[in-house]
């Protein structure tokens, strides 16, 4: 009889331990899902804003937290560039993502707008908050009479 009682007690203890472990595992899964749901929600909130040269100039003149990113080649940059633009050619963007501040508005441009649109997509996936694609690139910027720097 004593053996039966001990076996019954051991079974109760094992069942209690299994129940506690299962509940902890369920709680951990729920926490994990909530954490990743927040990440996905943040990514969805990041939008790429296509802006005209006029809007870009206004943003650069009026906001203090703007980072201008030129994704053209080094040769293109040497020919002509927007003042204070930071050159990171699109082919080197992934390796240099840490050089782009995540807490600033990032205005991205290329020559005509295709590479900068692609770069904005890449940056959006890396968690940057405010992205602005300069429509028409530096070509349209210049055509509308905005200042550039040349050697």
Protein backbone atom coordinates (compact mmCIF):
# COMPACT_ATOMS: atom_id res chain seq x y z
CA UNK A 1 0.00 0.00 0.00
CA UNK A 2 2.83 2.37 0.87
CA UNK A 3 4.44 1.69 -2.49
CA UNK A 4 1.20 2.56 -4.24
CA UNK A 5 0.91 5.87 -2.32
CA UNK A 6 4.52 6.76 -3.15
CA UNK A 7 3.95 5.95 -6.82
CA UNK A 8 0.82 8.09 -6.79
CA UNK A 9 2.76 11.00 -5.20
CA UNK A 10 5.58 10.67 -7.73
CA UNK A 11 3.07 10.72 -10.59
CA UNK A 12 1.43 13.87 -9.15
CA UNK A 13 4.82 15.58 -8.87
CA UNK A 14 5.77 14.61 -12.44
CA UNK A 15 2.41 15.82 -13.75
CA UNK A 16 2.81 19.13 -11.87
CA UNK A 17 6.33 19.64 -13.28
CA UNK A 18 5.17 18.87 -16.82
CA UNK A 19 2.25 21.31 -16.42
CA UNK A 20 4.55 24.09 -15.18
CA UNK A 21 7.08 23.50 -17.98
CA UNK A 22 4.33 23.50 -20.60
CA UNK A 23 2.85 26.74 -19.29
CA UNK A 24 6.30 28.40 -19.31
CA UNK A 25 6.89 27.23 -22.87
CA UNK A 26 3.52 28.63 -23.99
CA UNK A 27 4.30 31.95 -22.28
CA UNK A 28 7.74 32.09 -23.98
CA UNK A 29 6.18 31.44 -27.40
CA UNK A 30 3.61 34.18 -26.85
CA UNK A 31 6.35 36.64 -25.80
CA UNK A 32 8.46 35.73 -28.84
CA UNK A 33 5.51 36.27 -31.19
CA UNK A 34 4.72 39.65 -29.60
CA UNK A 35 8.32 40.80 -29.99
CA UNK A 36 8.42 39.88 -33.67
CA UNK A 37 4.98 41.30 -34.32
CA UNK A 38 6.34 44.65 -33.10
CA UNK A 39 9.28 44.42 -35.53
CA UNK A 40 6.99 43.73 -38.46
CA UNK A 41 4.75 46.60 -37.46
CA UNK A 42 7.75 48.96 -37.34
CA UNK A 43 8.86 47.87 -40.81
CA UNK A 44 5.39 48.48 -42.19
CA UNK A 45 5.39 51.99 -40.72
CA UNK A 46 8.53 52.97 -42.66
CA UNK A 47 7.52 54.55 -45.93
CA UNK A 48 9.54 55.88 -48.81
CA UNK A 49 8.41 59.37 -49.73
CA UNK A 50 9.03 60.41 -53.33
CA UNK A 51 9.79 64.12 -53.32
CA UNK A 52 10.47 66.75 -55.94
CA UNK A 53 13.69 68.76 -56.01
CA UNK A 54 11.76 71.74 -54.57
CA UNK A 55 10.51 69.64 -51.63
CA UNK A 56 13.99 68.19 -51.10
CA UNK A 57 15.57 71.66 -51.05
CA UNK A 58 12.97 72.88 -48.53
CA UNK A 59 13.55 69.82 -46.34
CA UNK A 60 17.33 70.25 -46.46
CA UNK A 61 17.08 73.99 -45.69
CA UNK A 62 14.53 73.75 -42.87
CA UNK A 63 15.26 70.49 -41.04
CA UNK A 64 18.42 70.04 -39.00
CA UNK A 65 18.27 66.27 -38.97
CA UNK A 66 18.75 65.54 -42.69
CA UNK A 67 21.32 63.18 -44.19
CA UNK A 68 21.73 63.50 -47.97
CA UNK A 69 22.82 60.21 -49.54
CA UNK A 70 24.23 60.03 -53.07
CA UNK A 71 24.17 56.46 -54.41
CA UNK A 72 25.85 57.16 -57.75
CA UNK A 73 29.37 56.06 -58.64
CA UNK A 74 32.45 57.88 -57.41
CA UNK A 75 33.11 59.14 -60.95
CA UNK A 76 29.61 60.65 -61.19
CA UNK A 77 30.02 62.24 -57.75
CA UNK A 78 33.34 63.85 -58.73
CA UNK A 79 31.71 65.47 -61.79
CA UNK A 80 28.89 67.11 -59.83
CA UNK A 81 27.17 66.63 -56.46
CA UNK A 82 24.80 68.26 -54.00
CA UNK A 83 26.61 70.12 -51.23
CA UNK A 84 27.15 68.02 -48.10
CA UNK A 85 25.90 64.85 -49.82
CA UNK A 86 27.46 61.63 -48.54
CA UNK A 87 28.61 59.26 -51.27
CA UNK A 88 27.87 55.58 -50.81
CA UNK A 89 27.57 53.94 -54.25
CA UNK A 90 24.60 51.59 -54.44
CA UNK A 91 26.93 48.62 -55.00
CA UNK A 92 28.53 49.36 -51.60
CA UNK A 93 25.34 50.26 -49.73
CA UNK A 94 24.78 46.95 -47.91
CA UNK A 95 28.35 46.93 -46.52
CA UNK A 96 28.12 50.57 -45.41
CA UNK A 97 24.61 50.68 -43.97
CA UNK A 98 26.05 51.57 -40.54
CA UNK A 99 27.33 54.91 -41.95
CA UNK A 100 23.75 56.10 -42.42
CA UNK A 101 22.18 57.55 -39.25
CA UNK A 102 18.91 55.86 -38.34
CA UNK A 103 17.67 58.87 -36.38
CA UNK A 104 17.75 61.32 -39.30
CA UNK A 105 15.66 62.00 -42.36
CA UNK A 106 17.52 60.44 -45.28
CA UNK A 107 17.21 62.07 -48.72
CA UNK A 108 18.50 59.59 -51.31
CA UNK A 109 19.42 60.55 -54.85
CA UNK A 110 21.18 59.26 -57.92
CA UNK A 111 21.33 60.64 -61.47
CA UNK A 112 17.72 60.11 -62.55
CA UNK A 113 15.89 58.32 -59.72
CA UNK A 114 16.10 54.59 -60.47
CA UNK A 115 19.06 53.67 -58.29
CA UNK A 116 17.86 55.88 -55.46
CA UNK A 117 14.43 54.19 -55.51
CA UNK A 118 16.17 50.80 -55.29
CA UNK A 119 18.42 52.11 -52.49
CA UNK A 120 15.38 53.37 -50.56
CA UNK A 121 13.88 49.89 -50.74
CA UNK A 122 17.10 48.42 -49.33
CA UNK A 123 17.26 51.02 -46.55
CA UNK A 124 13.60 50.54 -45.67
CA UNK A 125 14.31 46.87 -44.98
CA UNK A 126 17.17 47.87 -42.66
CA UNK A 127 14.94 49.87 -40.31
CA UNK A 128 15.59 53.46 -41.30
CA UNK A 129 12.70 55.65 -40.23
CA UNK A 130 12.24 58.50 -42.71
CA UNK A 131 13.29 57.94 -46.31
CA UNK A 132 12.92 60.42 -49.14
CA UNK A 133 13.63 59.54 -52.76
CA UNK A 134 14.57 62.55 -54.89
CA UNK A 135 12.47 62.10 -58.03
CA UNK A 136 14.46 62.74 -61.19
CA UNK A 137 17.72 62.64 -59.25
CA UNK A 138 20.47 65.21 -59.51
CA UNK A 139 19.64 65.71 -63.22
CA UNK A 140 16.22 67.16 -62.36
CA UNK A 141 17.71 68.98 -59.34
CA UNK A 142 20.13 70.79 -61.65
CA UNK A 143 17.54 71.37 -64.40
CA UNK A 144 15.36 73.19 -61.86
CA UNK A 145 18.27 75.45 -60.93
CA UNK A 146 19.21 74.14 -57.50
CA UNK A 147 22.85 74.49 -56.44
CA UNK A 148 25.49 71.81 -57.00
CA UNK A 149 29.20 71.57 -56.42
CA UNK A 150 31.64 70.88 -59.24
CA UNK A 151 35.42 70.38 -59.14
